[in-house]
Amino acid sequence: MIIGYYPGWEDGFVHKDLIKLRNDGQRKKSAAKLDFDMQMLAATWPRPQFVTIKIMKGHEPLWELIREHQGVAYRIFFCVKKQEI
């Protein structure tokens, strides 16, 4: 699977937020965990391992990746189409 970002394939809201997290000294570990989750999602789809996801009922085909770290719940919404996330 290939990971792209909305609205532009190479750059989007989630990508920009991940960059901010990576540059925040207190949240670098959170960014690393989210990066790991996204890579695991791409590598193990359609049966993701080590990642917490759920379908957004009533909003299919929207999915939600959930990661809690240091008391903060991070959520990334995504769709899957063919070989693209």
C-alpha atoms as a PDB file:
ATOM      1  CA  MET A   1       0.000   0.000   0.000  1.00  0.00           C
ATOM      2  CA  ILE A   2       1.052   3.568  -0.679  1.00  0.00           C
ATOM      3  CA  ILE A   3       0.321   6.391   1.780  1.00  0.00           C
ATOM      4  CA  GLY A   4      -0.766   9.744   0.397  1.00  0.00           C
ATOM      5  CA  TYR A   5      -2.041  12.871   2.103  1.00  0.00           C
ATOM      6  CA  TYR A   6      -5.147  14.980   1.518  1.00  0.00           C
ATOM      7  CA  PRO A   7      -5.592  17.337  -0.291  1.00  0.00           C
ATOM      8  CA  GLY A   8      -2.273  16.949  -2.152  1.00  0.00           C
ATOM      9  CA  TRP A   9      -0.707  13.524  -2.521  1.00  0.00           C
ATOM     10  CA  GLU A  10       2.710  14.519  -1.169  1.00  0.00           C
ATOM     11  CA  ASP A  11       1.549  17.210   1.226  1.00  0.00           C
ATOM     12  CA  GLY A  12      -1.598  17.681   3.243  1.00  0.00           C
ATOM     13  CA  PHE A  13      -3.087  18.437   6.637  1.00  0.00           C
ATOM     14  CA  VAL A  14      -1.992  15.200   8.318  1.00  0.00           C
ATOM     15  CA  HIS A  15       1.503  15.443   6.843  1.00  0.00           C
ATOM     16  CA  LYS A  16       1.915  19.031   8.103  1.00  0.00           C
ATOM     17  CA  ASP A  17       0.675  18.080  11.586  1.00  0.00           C
ATOM     18  CA  LEU A  18       3.104  15.158  11.727  1.00  0.00           C
ATOM     19  CA  ILE A  19       5.968  17.501  10.831  1.00  0.00           C
ATOM     20  CA  LYS A  20       4.913  19.844  13.662  1.00  0.00           C
ATOM     21  CA  LEU A  21       4.858  16.912  16.094  1.00  0.00           C
ATOM     22  CA  ARG A  22       8.313  15.749  14.965  1.00  0.00           C
ATOM     23  CA  ASN A  23       9.705  19.240  15.588  1.00  0.00           C
ATOM     24  CA  ASP A  24       8.083  19.562  19.034  1.00  0.00           C
ATOM     25  CA  GLY A  25      10.614  18.301  21.579  1.00  0.00           C
ATOM     26  CA  GLN A  26       7.899  16.974  23.896  1.00  0.00           C
ATOM     27  CA  ARG A  27       5.934  15.191  21.173  1.00  0.00           C
ATOM     28  CA  LYS A  28       8.665  13.563  19.069  1.00  0.00           C
ATOM     29  CA  LYS A  29       7.817  10.150  20.534  1.00  0.00           C
ATOM     30  CA  SER A  30       4.144  10.617  19.672  1.00  0.00           C
ATOM     31  CA  ALA A  31       5.092  11.440  16.084  1.00  0.00           C
ATOM     32  CA  ALA A  32       7.334   8.358  15.920  1.00  0.00           C
ATOM     33  CA  LYS A  33       4.482   6.165  17.162  1.00  0.00           C
ATOM     34  CA  LEU A  34       2.084   7.639  14.596  1.00  0.00           C
ATOM     35  CA  ASP A  35       4.662   7.142  11.831  1.00  0.00           C
ATOM     36  CA  PHE A  36       5.044   3.514  12.945  1.00  0.00           C
ATOM     37  CA  ASP A  37       1.263   3.040  12.993  1.00  0.00           C
ATOM     38  CA  MET A  38       0.893   4.395   9.471  1.00  0.00           C
ATOM     39  CA  GLN A  39       3.696   2.195   8.152  1.00  0.00           C
ATOM     40  CA  MET A  40       2.195  -0.882   9.840  1.00  0.00           C
ATOM     41  CA  LEU A  41      -1.203  -0.015   8.411  1.00  0.00           C
ATOM     42  CA  ALA A  42       0.256   0.204   4.907  1.00  0.00           C
ATOM     43  CA  ALA A  43       2.300  -2.992   5.307  1.00  0.00           C
ATOM     44  CA  THR A  44      -0.426  -5.197   6.796  1.00  0.00           C
ATOM     45  CA  TRP A  45      -3.633  -3.930   5.142  1.00  0.00           C
ATOM     46  CA  PRO A  46      -6.356  -5.370   4.886  1.00  0.00           C
ATOM     47  CA  ARG A  47      -5.689  -7.065   8.237  1.00  0.00           C
ATOM     48  CA  PRO A  48      -3.711  -4.430  10.120  1.00  0.00           C
ATOM     49  CA  GLN A  49      -1.551  -5.627  12.985  1.00  0.00           C
ATOM     50  CA  PHE A  50      -0.353  -3.598  15.982  1.00  0.00           C
ATOM     51  CA  VAL A  51      -2.625  -0.703  14.939  1.00  0.00           C
ATOM     52  CA  THR A  52      -5.958   0.398  16.401  1.00  0.00           C
ATOM     53  CA  ILE A  53      -8.412   1.280  13.643  1.00  0.00           C
ATOM     54  CA  LYS A  54     -12.162   1.342  13.220  1.00  0.00           C
ATOM     55  CA  ILE A  55     -14.607   2.067  10.433  1.00  0.00           C
ATOM     56  CA  MET A  56     -16.616   5.255  10.828  1.00  0.00           C
ATOM     57  CA  LYS A  57     -20.172   3.902  10.880  1.00  0.00           C
ATOM     58  CA  GLY A  58     -22.425   5.889   8.586  1.00  0.00           C
ATOM     59  CA  HIS A  59     -19.424   7.515   6.892  1.00  0.00           C
ATOM     60  CA  GLU A  60     -18.014   4.570   4.960  1.00  0.00           C
ATOM     61  CA  PRO A  61     -15.433   4.342   3.411  1.00  0.00           C
ATOM     62  CA  LEU A  62     -13.855   6.547   6.123  1.00  0.00           C
ATOM     63  CA  TRP A  63     -11.628   4.816   8.685  1.00  0.00           C
ATOM     64  CA  GLU A  64     -10.014   6.110  11.869  1.00  0.00           C
ATOM     65  CA  LEU A  65      -6.556   5.260  13.187  1.00  0.00           C
ATOM     66  CA  ILE A  66      -6.332   5.836  16.939  1.00  0.00           C
ATOM     67  CA  ARG A  67      -3.157   6.224  19.000  1.00  0.00           C
ATOM     68  CA  GLU A  68      -3.057   7.221  22.648  1.00  0.00           C
ATOM     69  CA  HIS A  69       0.260   8.425  24.010  1.00  0.00           C
ATOM     70  CA  GLN A  70       1.048  10.375  27.178  1.00  0.00           C
ATOM     71  CA  GLY A  71      -2.621  11.057  27.866  1.00  0.00           C
ATOM     72  CA  VAL A  72      -3.346  12.451  24.399  1.00  0.00           C
ATOM     73  CA  ALA A  73      -5.556  10.657  21.882  1.00  0.00           C
ATOM     74  CA  TYR A  74      -4.309  11.175  18.321  1.00  0.00           C
ATOM     75  CA  ARG A  75      -6.700  10.385  15.480  1.00  0.00           C
ATOM     76  CA  ILE A  76      -5.959  10.080  11.790  1.00  0.00           C
ATOM     77  CA  PHE A  77      -8.845   9.652   9.385  1.00  0.00           C
ATOM     78  CA  PHE A  78      -8.213   7.810   6.147  1.00  0.00           C
ATOM     79  CA  CYS A  79      -9.777   6.047   3.181  1.00  0.00           C
ATOM     80  CA  VAL A  80      -8.476   3.082   1.206  1.00  0.00           C
ATOM     81  CA  LYS A  81      -8.780   2.843  -2.568  1.00  0.00           C
ATOM     82  CA  LYS A  82      -7.094   0.001  -4.428  1.00  0.00           C
ATOM     83  CA  GLN A  83      -3.455   0.205  -3.272  1.00  0.00           C
ATOM     84  CA  GLU A  84      -3.641   3.712  -1.778  1.00  0.00           C
ATOM     85  CA  ILE A  85      -4.267   4.941   1.751  1.00  0.00           C
END
